[in-house]
Amino acid sequence: MAKIAAIAWAPNNLKLAICTSDRIIHLFDEMGEKKDKFSTKPVEPKVNQSNILEYILRLMAINTFKLTWQAVNDL
């Protein structure tokens, strides 16, 4: 697994979201079992000269109903 970039707990402590430096969000249940994973994408995609998307995940929050995050392009 890559380095951790952000962590968010649900207010009811039933979900944990971890975003790694490779911009993948991993979702865990209250028992610590991995339930899902998905990749993130920037709001305004910017591609560098090597055709690689450049962005940093700056903020992640989770509530009882959904997970939200903010990715910004300024490196």
PDB file of N, CA and C in Angstrom:
ATOM      1  N   MET A   1       0.839  -1.174   0.000  1.00  0.00           N
ATOM      2  CA  MET A   1       0.000   0.000   0.000  1.00  0.00           C
ATOM      3  C   MET A   1       0.889   1.245   0.000  1.00  0.00           C
ATOM      4  N   ALA A   2       0.434   2.290  -0.643  1.00  0.00           N
ATOM      5  CA  ALA A   2       1.176   3.547  -0.737  1.00  0.00           C
ATOM      6  C   ALA A   2       1.054   4.341   0.568  1.00  0.00           C
ATOM      7  N   LYS A   3       1.809   5.424   0.667  1.00  0.00           N
ATOM      8  CA  LYS A   3       1.750   6.289   1.844  1.00  0.00           C
ATOM      9  C   LYS A   3       0.359   6.901   1.978  1.00  0.00           C
ATOM     10  N   ILE A   4      -0.043   7.158   3.213  1.00  0.00           N
ATOM     11  CA  ILE A   4      -1.360   7.738   3.486  1.00  0.00           C
ATOM     12  C   ILE A   4      -1.312   9.242   3.273  1.00  0.00           C
ATOM     13  N   ALA A   5      -2.273   9.754   2.494  1.00  0.00           N
ATOM     14  CA  ALA A   5      -2.362  11.191   2.221  1.00  0.00           C
ATOM     15  C   ALA A   5      -3.463  11.846   3.042  1.00  0.00           C
ATOM     16  N   ALA A   6      -4.546  11.123   3.347  1.00  0.00           N
ATOM     17  CA  ALA A   6      -5.659  11.677   4.122  1.00  0.00           C
ATOM     18  C   ALA A   6      -6.448  10.543   4.769  1.00  0.00           C
ATOM     19  N   ILE A   7      -7.043  10.850   5.923  1.00  0.00           N
ATOM     20  CA  ILE A   7      -7.875   9.891   6.652  1.00  0.00           C
ATOM     21  C   ILE A   7      -9.143  10.608   7.087  1.00  0.00           C
ATOM     22  N   ALA A   8     -10.277   9.915   7.009  1.00  0.00           N
ATOM     23  CA  ALA A   8     -11.539  10.490   7.482  1.00  0.00           C
ATOM     24  C   ALA A   8     -12.380   9.405   8.149  1.00  0.00           C
ATOM     25  N   TRP A   9     -12.928   9.721   9.321  1.00  0.00           N
ATOM     26  CA  TRP A   9     -13.853   8.843  10.036  1.00  0.00           C
ATOM     27  C   TRP A   9     -15.268   9.341   9.835  1.00  0.00           C
ATOM     28  N   ALA A  10     -16.216   8.435   9.747  1.00  0.00           N
ATOM     29  CA  ALA A  10     -17.630   8.821   9.751  1.00  0.00           C
ATOM     30  C   ALA A  10     -17.992   9.263  11.165  1.00  0.00           C
ATOM     31  N   PRO A  11     -18.904  10.228  11.308  1.00  0.00           N
ATOM     32  CA  PRO A  11     -19.298  10.689  12.647  1.00  0.00           C
ATOM     33  C   PRO A  11     -19.827   9.567  13.552  1.00  0.00           C
ATOM     34  N   ASN A  12     -20.436   8.551  12.976  1.00  0.00           N
ATOM     35  CA  ASN A  12     -20.965   7.443  13.774  1.00  0.00           C
ATOM     36  C   ASN A  12     -19.929   6.336  14.001  1.00  0.00           C
ATOM     37  N   ASN A  13     -18.686   6.559  13.558  1.00  0.00           N
ATOM     38  CA  ASN A  13     -17.574   5.610  13.722  1.00  0.00           C
ATOM     39  C   ASN A  13     -17.796   4.266  13.044  1.00  0.00           C
ATOM     40  N   LEU A  14     -18.660   4.221  12.035  1.00  0.00           N
ATOM     41  CA  LEU A  14     -18.921   2.965  11.344  1.00  0.00           C
ATOM     42  C   LEU A  14     -18.161   2.836  10.028  1.00  0.00           C
ATOM     43  N   LYS A  15     -17.542   3.927   9.569  1.00  0.00           N
ATOM     44  CA  LYS A  15     -16.795   3.887   8.310  1.00  0.00           C
ATOM     45  C   LYS A  15     -15.494   4.658   8.463  1.00  0.00           C
ATOM     46  N   LEU A  16     -14.471   4.160   7.777  1.00  0.00           N
ATOM     47  CA  LEU A  16     -13.170   4.817   7.729  1.00  0.00           C
ATOM     48  C   LEU A  16     -12.758   4.912   6.271  1.00  0.00           C
ATOM     49  N   ALA A  17     -12.319   6.086   5.854  1.00  0.00           N
ATOM     50  CA  ALA A  17     -11.827   6.281   4.490  1.00  0.00           C
ATOM     51  C   ALA A  17     -10.366   6.693   4.574  1.00  0.00           C
ATOM     52  N   ILE A  18      -9.529   6.052   3.781  1.00  0.00           N
ATOM     53  CA  ILE A  18      -8.108   6.371   3.722  1.00  0.00           C
ATOM     54  C   ILE A  18      -7.745   6.636   2.268  1.00  0.00           C
ATOM     55  N   CYS A  19      -7.141   7.781   2.016  1.00  0.00           N
ATOM     56  CA  CYS A  19      -6.655   8.088   0.675  1.00  0.00           C
ATOM     57  C   CYS A  19      -5.136   7.944   0.681  1.00  0.00           C
ATOM     58  N   THR A  20      -4.629   7.187  -0.253  1.00  0.00           N
ATOM     59  CA  THR A  20      -3.194   6.970  -0.339  1.00  0.00           C
ATOM     60  C   THR A  20      -2.560   7.947  -1.328  1.00  0.00           C
ATOM     61  N   SER A  21      -1.255   8.009  -1.314  1.00  0.00           N
ATOM     62  CA  SER A  21      -0.544   8.958  -2.173  1.00  0.00           C
ATOM     63  C   SER A  21      -0.735   8.658  -3.659  1.00  0.00           C
ATOM     64  N   ASP A  22      -1.187   7.477  -3.987  1.00  0.00           N
ATOM     65  CA  ASP A  22      -1.490   7.160  -5.386  1.00  0.00           C
ATOM     66  C   ASP A  22      -2.929   7.544  -5.757  1.00  0.00           C
ATOM     67  N   ARG A  23      -3.579   8.320  -4.868  1.00  0.00           N
ATOM     68  CA  ARG A  23      -4.909   8.908  -5.080  1.00  0.00           C
ATOM     69  C   ARG A  23      -6.033   7.871  -5.144  1.00  0.00           C
ATOM     70  N   ILE A  24      -5.875   6.785  -4.423  1.00  0.00           N
ATOM     71  CA  ILE A  24      -6.904   5.759  -4.315  1.00  0.00           C
ATOM     72  C   ILE A  24      -7.526   5.870  -2.930  1.00  0.00           C
ATOM     73  N   ILE A  25      -8.859   5.905  -2.863  1.00  0.00           N
ATOM     74  CA  ILE A  25      -9.554   5.942  -1.585  1.00  0.00           C
ATOM     75  C   ILE A  25     -10.003   4.530  -1.238  1.00  0.00           C
ATOM     76  N   HIS A  26      -9.640   4.087  -0.037  1.00  0.00           N
ATOM     77  CA  HIS A  26      -9.994   2.761   0.469  1.00  0.00           C
ATOM     78  C   HIS A  26     -11.021   2.954   1.580  1.00  0.00           C
ATOM     79  N   LEU A  27     -12.133   2.229   1.511  1.00  0.00           N
ATOM     80  CA  LEU A  27     -13.182   2.309   2.523  1.00  0.00           C
ATOM     81  C   LEU A  27     -13.181   1.056   3.386  1.00  0.00           C
ATOM     82  N   PHE A  28     -13.275   1.261   4.701  1.00  0.00           N
ATOM     83  CA  PHE A  28     -13.275   0.173   5.675  1.00  0.00           C
ATOM     84  C   PHE A  28     -14.515   0.272   6.543  1.00  0.00           C
ATOM     85  N   ASP A  29     -14.980  -0.877   7.034  1.00  0.00           N
ATOM     86  CA  ASP A  29     -16.121  -0.872   7.947  1.00  0.00           C
ATOM     87  C   ASP A  29     -15.635  -0.765   9.385  1.00  0.00           C
ATOM     88  N   GLU A  30     -16.587  -0.837  10.331  1.00  0.00           N
ATOM     89  CA  GLU A  30     -16.245  -0.667  11.744  1.00  0.00           C
ATOM     90  C   GLU A  30     -15.367  -1.785  12.292  1.00  0.00           C
ATOM     91  N   MET A  31     -15.301  -2.910  11.597  1.00  0.00           N
ATOM     92  CA  MET A  31     -14.456  -4.023  12.024  1.00  0.00           C
ATOM     93  C   MET A  31     -13.060  -3.953  11.395  1.00  0.00           C
ATOM     94  N   GLY A  32     -12.828  -2.936  10.571  1.00  0.00           N
ATOM     95  CA  GLY A  32     -11.526  -2.785   9.927  1.00  0.00           C
ATOM     96  C   GLY A  32     -11.377  -3.582   8.647  1.00  0.00           C
ATOM     97  N   GLU A  33     -12.470  -4.143   8.162  1.00  0.00           N
ATOM     98  CA  GLU A  33     -12.431  -4.914   6.924  1.00  0.00           C
ATOM     99  C   GLU A  33     -12.596  -3.986   5.727  1.00  0.00           C
ATOM    100  N   LYS A  34     -11.753  -4.183   4.725  1.00  0.00           N
ATOM    101  CA  LYS A  34     -11.815  -3.362   3.520  1.00  0.00           C
ATOM    102  C   LYS A  34     -13.076  -3.695   2.741  1.00  0.00           C
ATOM    103  N   LYS A  35     -13.876  -2.653   2.430  1.00  0.00           N
ATOM    104  CA  LYS A  35     -15.143  -2.863   1.757  1.00  0.00           C
ATOM    105  C   LYS A  35     -15.153  -2.382   0.313  1.00  0.00           C
ATOM    106  N   ASP A  36     -14.361  -1.355  -0.004  1.00  0.00           N
ATOM    107  CA  ASP A  36     -14.398  -0.801  -1.352  1.00  0.00           C
ATOM    108  C   ASP A  36     -13.146   0.028  -1.582  1.00  0.00           C
ATOM    109  N   LYS A  37     -12.873   0.315  -2.850  1.00  0.00           N
ATOM    110  CA  LYS A  37     -11.806   1.244  -3.190  1.00  0.00           C
ATOM    111  C   LYS A  37     -12.136   1.869  -4.535  1.00  0.00           C
ATOM    112  N   PHE A  38     -11.721   3.107  -4.709  1.00  0.00           N
ATOM    113  CA  PHE A  38     -11.949   3.785  -5.978  1.00  0.00           C
ATOM    114  C   PHE A  38     -10.919   4.888  -6.144  1.00  0.00           C
ATOM    115  N   SER A  39     -10.714   5.294  -7.378  1.00  0.00           N
ATOM    116  CA  SER A  39      -9.732   6.340  -7.661  1.00  0.00           C
ATOM    117  C   SER A  39     -10.407   7.706  -7.641  1.00  0.00           C
ATOM    118  N   THR A  40      -9.608   8.722  -7.443  1.00  0.00           N
ATOM    119  CA  THR A  40     -10.105  10.094  -7.436  1.00  0.00           C
ATOM    120  C   THR A  40      -9.765  10.755  -8.764  1.00  0.00           C
ATOM    121  N   LYS A  41     -10.328  11.930  -8.975  1.00  0.00           N
ATOM    122  CA  LYS A  41      -9.985  12.702 -10.167  1.00  0.00           C
ATOM    123  C   LYS A  41     -10.066  14.183  -9.816  1.00  0.00           C
ATOM    124  N   PRO A  42      -9.309  15.021 -10.494  1.00  0.00           N
ATOM    125  CA  PRO A  42      -9.317  16.450 -10.185  1.00  0.00           C
ATOM    126  C   PRO A  42     -10.558  17.140 -10.731  1.00  0.00           C
ATOM    127  N   VAL A  43     -10.886  18.281 -10.133  1.00  0.00           N
ATOM    128  CA  VAL A  43     -12.016  19.071 -10.606  1.00  0.00           C
ATOM    129  C   VAL A  43     -11.716  19.624 -11.990  1.00  0.00           C
ATOM    130  N   GLU A  44     -10.528  20.182 -12.158  1.00  0.00           N
ATOM    131  CA  GLU A  44     -10.089  20.724 -13.441  1.00  0.00           C
ATOM    132  C   GLU A  44      -8.851  19.950 -13.890  1.00  0.00           C
ATOM    133  N   PRO A  45      -9.023  18.937 -14.713  1.00  0.00           N
ATOM    134  CA  PRO A  45      -7.875  18.118 -15.120  1.00  0.00           C
ATOM    135  C   PRO A  45      -6.801  18.934 -15.845  1.00  0.00           C
ATOM    136  N   LYS A  46      -5.560  18.773 -15.406  1.00  0.00           N
ATOM    137  CA  LYS A  46      -4.420  19.373 -16.076  1.00  0.00           C
ATOM    138  C   LYS A  46      -3.392  18.267 -16.300  1.00  0.00           C
ATOM    139  N   VAL A  47      -2.960  18.139 -17.527  1.00  0.00           N
ATOM    140  CA  VAL A  47      -2.017  17.078 -17.884  1.00  0.00           C
ATOM    141  C   VAL A  47      -0.652  17.709 -18.111  1.00  0.00           C
ATOM    142  N   ASN A  48       0.383  17.093 -17.524  1.00  0.00           N
ATOM    143  CA  ASN A  48       1.733  17.625 -17.726  1.00  0.00           C
ATOM    144  C   ASN A  48       2.300  17.120 -19.051  1.00  0.00           C
ATOM    145  N   GLN A  49       3.557  17.412 -19.304  1.00  0.00           N
ATOM    146  CA  GLN A  49       4.188  17.048 -20.580  1.00  0.00           C
ATOM    147  C   GLN A  49       4.286  15.542 -20.782  1.00  0.00           C
ATOM    148  N   SER A  50       4.237  14.785 -19.710  1.00  0.00           N
ATOM    149  CA  SER A  50       4.310  13.322 -19.805  1.00  0.00           C
ATOM    150  C   SER A  50       2.927  12.677 -19.848  1.00  0.00           C
ATOM    151  N   ASN A  51       1.882  13.491 -20.081  1.00  0.00           N
ATOM    152  CA  ASN A  51       0.497  13.010 -20.111  1.00  0.00           C
ATOM    153  C   ASN A  51       0.059  12.389 -18.783  1.00  0.00           C
ATOM    154  N   ILE A  52       0.514  12.957 -17.678  1.00  0.00           N
ATOM    155  CA  ILE A  52       0.136  12.483 -16.354  1.00  0.00           C
ATOM    156  C   ILE A  52      -0.683  13.576 -15.677  1.00  0.00           C
ATOM    157  N   LEU A  53      -1.833  13.192 -15.102  1.00  0.00           N
ATOM    158  CA  LEU A  53      -2.653  14.153 -14.369  1.00  0.00           C
ATOM    159  C   LEU A  53      -1.908  14.609 -13.122  1.00  0.00           C
ATOM    160  N   GLU A  54      -1.846  15.923 -12.918  1.00  0.00           N
ATOM    161  CA  GLU A  54      -1.184  16.469 -11.742  1.00  0.00           C
ATOM    162  C   GLU A  54      -2.208  17.097 -10.820  1.00  0.00           C
ATOM    163  N   TYR A  55      -2.378  16.539  -9.635  1.00  0.00           N
ATOM    164  CA  TYR A  55      -3.220  17.130  -8.605  1.00  0.00           C
ATOM    165  C   TYR A  55      -2.895  16.503  -7.261  1.00  0.00           C
ATOM    166  N   ILE A  56      -3.303  17.188  -6.210  1.00  0.00           N
ATOM    167  CA  ILE A  56      -3.077  16.728  -4.843  1.00  0.00           C
ATOM    168  C   ILE A  56      -4.423  16.687  -4.142  1.00  0.00           C
ATOM    169  N   LEU A  57      -4.694  15.620  -3.419  1.00  0.00           N
ATOM    170  CA  LEU A  57      -5.896  15.550  -2.615  1.00  0.00           C
ATOM    171  C   LEU A  57      -5.627  16.341  -1.329  1.00  0.00           C
ATOM    172  N   ARG A  58      -6.349  17.432  -1.131  1.00  0.00           N
ATOM    173  CA  ARG A  58      -6.109  18.316   0.013  1.00  0.00           C
ATOM    174  C   ARG A  58      -7.044  18.071   1.187  1.00  0.00           C
ATOM    175  N   LEU A  59      -8.253  17.592   0.922  1.00  0.00           N
ATOM    176  CA  LEU A  59      -9.256  17.502   1.971  1.00  0.00           C
ATOM    177  C   LEU A  59     -10.175  16.323   1.697  1.00  0.00           C
ATOM    178  N   MET A  60     -10.525  15.589   2.745  1.00  0.00           N
ATOM    179  CA  MET A  60     -11.454  14.483   2.601  1.00  0.00           C
ATOM    180  C   MET A  60     -12.347  14.463   3.833  1.00  0.00           C
ATOM    181  N   ALA A  61     -13.632  14.260   3.632  1.00  0.00           N
ATOM    182  CA  ALA A  61     -14.583  14.193   4.740  1.00  0.00           C
ATOM    183  C   ALA A  61     -15.592  13.092   4.452  1.00  0.00           C
ATOM    184  N   ILE A  62     -16.065  12.475   5.494  1.00  0.00           N
ATOM    185  CA  ILE A  62     -17.069  11.416   5.344  1.00  0.00           C
ATOM    186  C   ILE A  62     -18.172  11.669   6.365  1.00  0.00           C
ATOM    187  N   ASN A  63     -19.407  11.489   5.941  1.00  0.00           N
ATOM    188  CA  ASN A  63     -20.514  11.556   6.895  1.00  0.00           C
ATOM    189  C   ASN A  63     -21.264  10.232   6.821  1.00  0.00           C
ATOM    190  N   THR A  64     -22.370  10.149   7.477  1.00  0.00           N
ATOM    191  CA  THR A  64     -23.114   8.890   7.531  1.00  0.00           C
ATOM    192  C   THR A  64     -23.592   8.454   6.155  1.00  0.00           C
ATOM    193  N   PHE A  65     -23.816   9.408   5.257  1.00  0.00           N
ATOM    194  CA  PHE A  65     -24.434   9.090   3.981  1.00  0.00           C
ATOM    195  C   PHE A  65     -23.475   9.030   2.801  1.00  0.00           C
ATOM    196  N   LYS A  66     -22.409   9.863   2.785  1.00  0.00           N
ATOM    197  CA  LYS A  66     -21.536   9.857   1.616  1.00  0.00           C
ATOM    198  C   LYS A  66     -20.143  10.366   1.964  1.00  0.00           C
ATOM    199  N   LEU A  67     -19.219  10.085   1.081  1.00  0.00           N
ATOM    200  CA  LEU A  67     -17.833  10.515   1.198  1.00  0.00           C
ATOM    201  C   LEU A  67     -17.612  11.654   0.214  1.00  0.00           C
ATOM    202  N   THR A  68     -16.958  12.713   0.642  1.00  0.00           N
ATOM    203  CA  THR A  68     -16.636  13.821  -0.249  1.00  0.00           C
ATOM    204  C   THR A  68     -15.155  14.137  -0.118  1.00  0.00           C
ATOM    205  N   TRP A  69     -14.584  14.670  -1.186  1.00  0.00           N
ATOM    206  CA  TRP A  69     -13.182  15.068  -1.139  1.00  0.00           C
ATOM    207  C   TRP A  69     -12.958  16.244  -2.069  1.00  0.00           C
ATOM    208  N   GLN A  70     -11.849  16.918  -1.851  1.00  0.00           N
ATOM    209  CA  GLN A  70     -11.481  18.052  -2.693  1.00  0.00           C
ATOM    210  C   GLN A  70     -10.071  17.823  -3.196  1.00  0.00           C
ATOM    211  N   ALA A  71      -9.918  17.858  -4.503  1.00  0.00           N
ATOM    212  CA  ALA A  71      -8.599  17.730  -5.126  1.00  0.00           C
ATOM    213  C   ALA A  71      -8.272  19.042  -5.796  1.00  0.00           C
ATOM    214  N   VAL A  72      -7.055  19.509  -5.648  1.00  0.00           N
ATOM    215  CA  VAL A  72      -6.667  20.765  -6.268  1.00  0.00           C
ATOM    216  C   VAL A  72      -5.479  20.529  -7.187  1.00  0.00           C
ATOM    217  N   ASN A  73      -5.345  21.393  -8.183  1.00  0.00           N
ATOM    218  CA  ASN A  73      -4.311  21.200  -9.171  1.00  0.00           C
ATOM    219  C   ASN A  73      -2.975  21.854  -8.827  1.00  0.00           C
ATOM    220  N   ASP A  74      -2.975  22.796  -7.884  1.00  0.00           N
ATOM    221  CA  ASP A  74      -1.717  23.470  -7.589  1.00  0.00           C
ATOM    222  C   ASP A  74      -0.783  22.560  -6.817  1.00  0.00           C
ATOM    223  N   LEU A  75       0.356  22.315  -7.386  1.00  0.00           N
ATOM    224  CA  LEU A  75       1.325  21.434  -6.750  1.00  0.00           C
ATOM    225  C   LEU A  75       2.286  22.250  -6.002  1.00  0.00           C
TER     226      LEU A  75
END
